[in-house]
Amino acid sequence: MPKPSGGYFQLPNSDTDDAEDVVELKSPPSPSRNADGLHPSLSKPTTRQTFLRRYWPTLVGLTSFCASLVLFNASLRVPPDSQCAKQLSAYSPAIEAVEYRDVVFNGSLRHPSEFRGTPSPVIDAAWDRISDLRPLRIFEDDLAKIGKEPKPVWRGYIATLEIAHHMHCLNMLRKNTYWDYYAPLDDSYQQDPAFYRVHLDHCVELLRQSLMCTADVGLITFNWVADHGRPWPDFSTQHRCRNYDGIVDWNQERSVWIGAASLTRTEGVVDMPEPKS
């Protein structure tokens, strides 16, 4: 069959060879070509394509390296002291006051200190400063965070920092080592000597629990020392300490003064039984 021109060709009829129907089929337009007679997709790659093909392994490597540097730098960032304290302490609003510093203890046997020596009003004042901390006003959400039920005792809820109790106990033990001086001055001993003994044992036990809880793992080294037949321990050891003065200042700024006359029972208060064990 001759090939028609002009984009037309004849379809033979299945029933007869004399089909007269002519179907027009228009061919798709020819793709545009460049000056070289080639379709753009077949021409040479662009400068950008060439660059990416040649250097993409290097670009991927640089991207990975930069990402690694960012992650490494983030891992080296030292979190704030309060954030570290949150991980290592039970909840307390005073966590925000915690600051750390490196301190070398002076552990020599005869080290002079404002907190040691023959009893005097000056030494007592130094101990009062670190142990006589006023109570704080706290709120229901503070109690919830430490697992306590809300039991108002004075216009709401009050608490003291645990360290104040520890220092009170340590001071009580100190005073007991100078009993001839302090016994006549201690009203609690004069009123009930038997309970005073219970109080002392309570303080020893509480400090034991606290020391075992914090479990200082610093190293005490030994040296040969004159006039000692055995290596002598060096108690002047290095520690990372919380800034105690900063905590005391935080407490003093937020403390409340509670007069004895204002300690009145609120309606519906139920006395808790004294713990026996």
Protein backbone atom coordinates (compact mmCIF):
# COMPACT_ATOMS: atom_id res chain seq x y z
CA MET A 1 0.00 0.00 0.00
CA PRO A 2 1.47 3.32 -0.92
CA LYS A 3 2.38 5.59 1.93
CA PRO A 4 0.12 8.64 1.91
CA SER A 5 1.62 12.04 2.33
CA GLY A 6 0.47 14.94 4.46
CA GLY A 7 0.06 12.88 7.67
CA TYR A 8 -2.82 10.74 6.38
CA PHE A 9 -3.03 6.99 5.78
CA GLN A 10 -5.85 4.60 5.00
CA LEU A 11 -7.13 1.92 7.33
CA PRO A 12 -8.44 -1.11 5.46
CA ASN A 13 -11.92 -2.23 6.35
CA SER A 14 -12.01 -5.66 7.91
CA ASP A 15 -14.98 -6.62 5.70
CA THR A 16 -13.78 -5.17 2.47
CA ASP A 17 -10.65 -4.01 0.86
CA ASP A 18 -12.35 -0.93 -0.58
CA ALA A 19 -12.52 0.95 2.75
CA GLU A 20 -13.02 4.55 2.03
CA ASP A 21 -12.66 5.85 5.59
CA VAL A 22 -9.57 7.95 6.13
CA VAL A 23 -8.33 8.58 9.63
CA GLU A 24 -6.24 11.60 10.35
CA LEU A 25 -3.44 10.98 12.82
CA LYS A 26 -1.29 13.95 13.66
CA SER A 27 2.21 13.19 14.73
CA PRO A 28 3.51 14.86 17.92
CA PRO A 29 5.54 17.95 17.33
CA SER A 30 9.21 17.41 16.80
CA PRO A 31 11.32 18.34 19.83
CA SER A 32 13.18 21.57 19.57
CA ARG A 33 16.84 21.21 18.88
CA ASN A 34 19.79 23.37 19.67
CA ALA A 35 22.31 24.86 17.30
CA ASP A 36 24.13 21.52 17.03
CA GLY A 37 20.95 19.76 16.08
CA LEU A 38 20.75 17.93 19.44
CA HIS A 39 17.94 17.86 21.93
CA PRO A 40 18.90 19.76 25.13
CA SER A 41 18.69 16.57 27.22
CA LEU A 42 21.33 15.06 24.99
CA SER A 43 23.63 18.06 24.98
CA LYS A 44 26.62 18.56 27.32
CA PRO A 45 25.84 18.85 31.10
CA THR A 46 25.62 22.31 32.63
CA THR A 47 28.39 23.75 34.81
CA ARG A 48 26.33 23.11 37.96
CA GLN A 49 25.70 19.49 37.02
CA THR A 50 29.38 18.97 36.33
CA PHE A 51 30.32 20.51 39.68
CA LEU A 52 27.87 18.35 41.63
CA ARG A 53 28.94 15.17 39.85
CA ARG A 54 32.59 15.85 40.49
CA TYR A 55 32.46 17.08 44.07
CA TRP A 56 29.38 15.45 45.65
CA PRO A 57 31.46 12.90 47.67
CA THR A 58 33.47 15.80 49.14
CA LEU A 59 30.31 17.78 49.92
CA VAL A 60 28.74 14.79 51.67
CA GLY A 61 31.91 14.27 53.69
CA LEU A 62 32.09 17.92 54.73
CA THR A 63 28.44 17.91 55.76
CA SER A 64 28.96 14.83 57.92
CA PHE A 65 32.08 16.34 59.47
CA CYS A 66 30.31 19.60 60.33
CA ALA A 67 27.40 17.70 61.86
CA SER A 68 29.85 15.68 63.97
CA LEU A 69 31.51 18.89 65.18
CA VAL A 70 28.16 20.34 66.22
CA LEU A 71 27.24 17.20 68.19
CA PHE A 72 30.69 17.02 69.78
CA ASN A 73 30.54 20.65 70.82
CA ALA A 74 27.09 20.15 72.34
CA SER A 75 28.39 17.20 74.37
CA LEU A 76 31.18 19.38 75.80
CA ARG A 77 28.89 22.08 77.08
CA VAL A 78 28.91 22.14 80.87
CA PRO A 79 25.35 22.33 82.24
CA PRO A 80 24.57 24.96 84.87
CA ASP A 81 25.34 24.04 88.47
CA SER A 82 21.64 24.02 89.35
CA GLN A 83 21.00 21.48 86.56
CA CYS A 84 23.69 19.17 87.96
CA ALA A 85 22.28 19.62 91.46
CA LYS A 86 18.81 18.61 90.24
CA GLN A 87 20.22 15.29 89.01
CA LEU A 88 22.00 14.61 92.31
CA SER A 89 19.49 15.86 94.88
CA ALA A 90 15.96 15.44 96.03
CA TYR A 91 13.67 18.31 95.04
CA SER A 92 14.09 21.60 96.86
CA PRO A 93 13.38 25.20 95.85
CA ALA A 94 16.89 25.96 97.14
CA ILE A 95 18.43 24.04 94.22
CA GLU A 96 18.57 27.32 92.33
CA ALA A 97 21.07 28.63 94.91
CA VAL A 98 23.55 25.78 94.44
CA GLU A 99 26.94 26.74 93.06
CA TYR A 100 29.99 24.47 92.97
CA ARG A 101 33.60 25.30 93.64
CA ASP A 102 36.78 23.30 94.12
CA VAL A 103 38.07 23.33 97.67
CA VAL A 104 41.06 21.69 99.34
CA PHE A 105 40.18 20.70 102.89
CA ASN A 106 42.66 21.63 105.59
CA GLY A 107 42.80 18.35 107.47
CA SER A 108 45.82 18.95 109.64
CA LEU A 109 45.29 17.99 113.27
CA ARG A 110 45.96 21.45 114.68
CA HIS A 111 44.41 23.54 111.90
CA PRO A 112 42.98 26.72 113.45
CA SER A 113 39.35 27.40 112.58
CA GLU A 114 36.64 29.77 113.68
CA PHE A 115 34.53 26.69 114.48
CA ARG A 116 36.93 24.87 116.82
CA GLY A 117 38.70 25.47 120.10
CA THR A 118 37.88 26.26 123.68
CA PRO A 119 34.24 27.37 123.98
CA SER A 120 33.60 31.08 123.70
CA PRO A 121 30.83 33.43 122.56
CA VAL A 122 32.79 34.02 119.33
CA ILE A 123 32.87 30.31 118.46
CA ASP A 124 29.20 29.93 119.38
CA ALA A 125 28.31 32.84 117.09
CA ALA A 126 30.18 31.18 114.20
CA TRP A 127 28.23 27.95 114.70
CA ASP A 128 24.93 29.80 115.03
CA ARG A 129 25.57 31.48 111.69
CA ILE A 130 25.80 28.18 109.82
CA SER A 131 23.20 26.23 111.78
CA ASP A 132 20.53 28.66 112.96
CA LEU A 133 18.64 29.09 109.69
CA ARG A 134 15.12 30.46 109.82
CA PRO A 135 12.22 28.50 108.30
CA LEU A 136 10.92 29.06 104.80
CA ARG A 137 7.39 29.43 103.50
CA ILE A 138 6.66 26.77 100.88
CA PHE A 139 3.64 25.84 98.77
CA GLU A 140 1.49 22.83 97.96
CA ASP A 141 3.35 22.05 94.76
CA ASP A 142 6.61 21.92 96.76
CA LEU A 143 5.03 19.36 99.08
CA ALA A 144 3.73 17.31 96.16
CA LYS A 145 7.22 17.13 94.65
CA ILE A 146 8.66 15.61 97.83
CA GLY A 147 5.73 13.26 98.42
CA LYS A 148 4.27 15.09 101.43
CA GLU A 149 0.63 15.73 102.19
CA PRO A 150 -0.43 19.36 102.57
CA LYS A 151 -0.72 20.01 106.31
CA PRO A 152 -0.75 23.72 107.11
CA VAL A 153 0.90 24.68 110.39
CA TRP A 154 1.33 28.45 110.11
CA ARG A 155 -0.51 30.56 107.56
CA GLY A 156 0.27 27.87 105.05
CA TYR A 157 3.27 25.56 104.92
CA ILE A 158 6.75 25.96 106.40
CA ALA A 159 9.99 24.04 106.10
CA THR A 160 13.68 24.28 106.92
CA LEU A 161 16.65 23.22 104.84
CA GLU A 162 18.03 19.80 105.76
CA ILE A 163 21.55 21.19 106.17
CA ALA A 164 20.35 23.38 109.04
CA HIS A 165 19.32 20.25 110.94
CA HIS A 166 22.64 18.54 110.17
CA MET A 167 24.58 21.54 111.44
CA HIS A 168 22.41 21.68 114.55
CA CYS A 169 23.23 18.04 115.28
CA LEU A 170 26.94 18.51 114.68
CA ASN A 171 26.97 21.56 116.93
CA MET A 172 25.17 19.60 119.63
CA LEU A 173 27.83 16.89 119.48
CA ARG A 174 30.54 19.54 119.65
CA LYS A 175 29.00 21.05 122.73
CA ASN A 176 28.81 17.65 124.38
CA THR A 177 32.62 17.34 124.08
CA TYR A 178 32.84 20.48 126.25
CA TRP A 179 30.14 19.40 128.65
CA ASP A 180 31.44 21.20 131.72
CA TYR A 181 31.02 24.48 129.88
CA TYR A 182 27.73 23.87 128.07
CA ALA A 183 25.69 21.69 130.44
CA PRO A 184 24.75 24.56 132.77
CA LEU A 185 23.78 26.67 129.74
CA ASP A 186 21.60 24.10 127.98
CA ASP A 187 17.95 24.37 129.00
CA SER A 188 16.95 21.17 127.19
CA TYR A 189 19.47 19.18 129.21
CA GLN A 190 18.36 20.78 132.46
CA GLN A 191 14.73 19.96 131.77
CA ASP A 192 15.12 16.34 130.63
CA PRO A 193 18.61 14.77 130.74
CA ALA A 194 17.26 11.38 129.57
CA PHE A 195 15.69 12.84 126.45
CA TYR A 196 18.86 14.82 125.81
CA ARG A 197 20.67 11.49 125.53
CA VAL A 198 18.06 10.31 123.03
CA HIS A 199 18.56 13.55 121.12
CA LEU A 200 22.31 12.97 120.91
CA ASP A 201 21.84 9.43 119.61
CA HIS A 202 19.34 10.73 117.07
CA CYS A 203 21.92 13.23 115.81
CA VAL A 204 24.65 10.61 115.50
CA GLU A 205 22.34 8.32 113.56
CA LEU A 206 21.11 11.07 111.26
CA LEU A 207 24.63 12.22 110.41
CA ARG A 208 25.62 8.60 109.76
CA GLN A 209 22.81 8.25 107.24
CA SER A 210 23.70 11.53 105.56
CA LEU A 211 27.41 10.67 105.26
CA MET A 212 26.63 7.23 103.85
CA CYS A 213 24.16 8.77 101.42
CA THR A 214 26.68 11.22 99.98
CA ALA A 215 29.53 8.67 100.30
CA ASP A 216 32.57 10.84 99.56
CA VAL A 217 34.95 8.81 97.38
CA GLY A 218 37.83 11.28 97.45
CA LEU A 219 41.30 9.84 97.93
CA ILE A 220 43.32 10.20 101.13
CA THR A 221 46.98 9.63 100.34
CA PHE A 222 49.78 8.65 102.77
CA ASN A 223 53.22 10.12 103.32
CA TRP A 224 56.21 9.48 105.52
CA VAL A 225 56.11 12.13 108.26
CA ALA A 226 58.75 12.98 110.84
CA ASP A 227 58.30 11.36 114.24
CA HIS A 228 55.80 8.83 112.91
CA GLY A 229 56.72 5.19 112.56
CA ARG A 230 54.17 4.58 109.81
CA PRO A 231 52.99 6.48 106.73
CA TRP A 232 50.66 9.25 107.87
CA PRO A 233 47.36 10.08 106.11
CA ASP A 234 47.11 13.43 104.35
CA PHE A 235 43.63 14.63 105.25
CA SER A 236 43.99 17.82 103.20
CA THR A 237 42.04 16.47 100.26
CA GLN A 238 40.43 18.05 97.22
CA HIS A 239 36.66 18.31 96.93
CA ARG A 240 34.01 19.85 94.73
CA CYS A 241 31.81 21.65 97.24
CA ARG A 242 28.58 23.53 97.17
CA ASN A 243 29.00 27.16 98.13
CA TYR A 244 27.56 27.01 101.62
CA ASP A 245 27.53 30.78 102.14
CA GLY A 246 25.47 31.17 98.98
CA ILE A 247 22.88 28.70 100.29
CA VAL A 248 22.74 30.50 103.65
CA ASP A 249 22.24 33.83 101.89
CA TRP A 250 19.46 32.33 99.74
CA ASN A 251 17.75 31.01 102.88
CA GLN A 252 18.05 34.30 104.75
CA GLU A 253 16.57 36.27 101.87
CA ARG A 254 13.49 34.04 101.76
CA SER A 255 13.07 33.13 105.41
CA VAL A 256 10.15 34.15 107.56
CA TRP A 257 10.15 35.15 111.19
CA ILE A 258 7.58 33.23 113.19
CA GLY A 259 6.78 34.51 116.64
CA ALA A 260 5.60 32.02 119.24
CA ALA A 261 2.28 33.85 119.56
CA SER A 262 1.53 33.37 115.87
CA LEU A 263 1.89 29.58 115.98
CA THR A 264 -1.79 28.80 116.23
CA ARG A 265 -3.54 25.67 115.04
CA THR A 266 -5.63 25.99 111.94
CA GLU A 267 -9.10 24.46 111.86
CA GLY A 268 -9.23 20.72 111.22
CA VAL A 269 -5.58 19.99 112.05
CA VAL A 270 -4.99 16.40 113.14
CA ASP A 271 -1.89 15.59 115.18
CA MET A 272 0.43 13.01 113.66
CA PRO A 273 1.67 10.25 115.95
CA GLU A 274 5.33 10.44 116.90
CA PRO A 275 7.34 8.05 114.71
CA LYS A 276 8.57 5.00 116.64
CA SER A 277 10.75 3.44 113.97
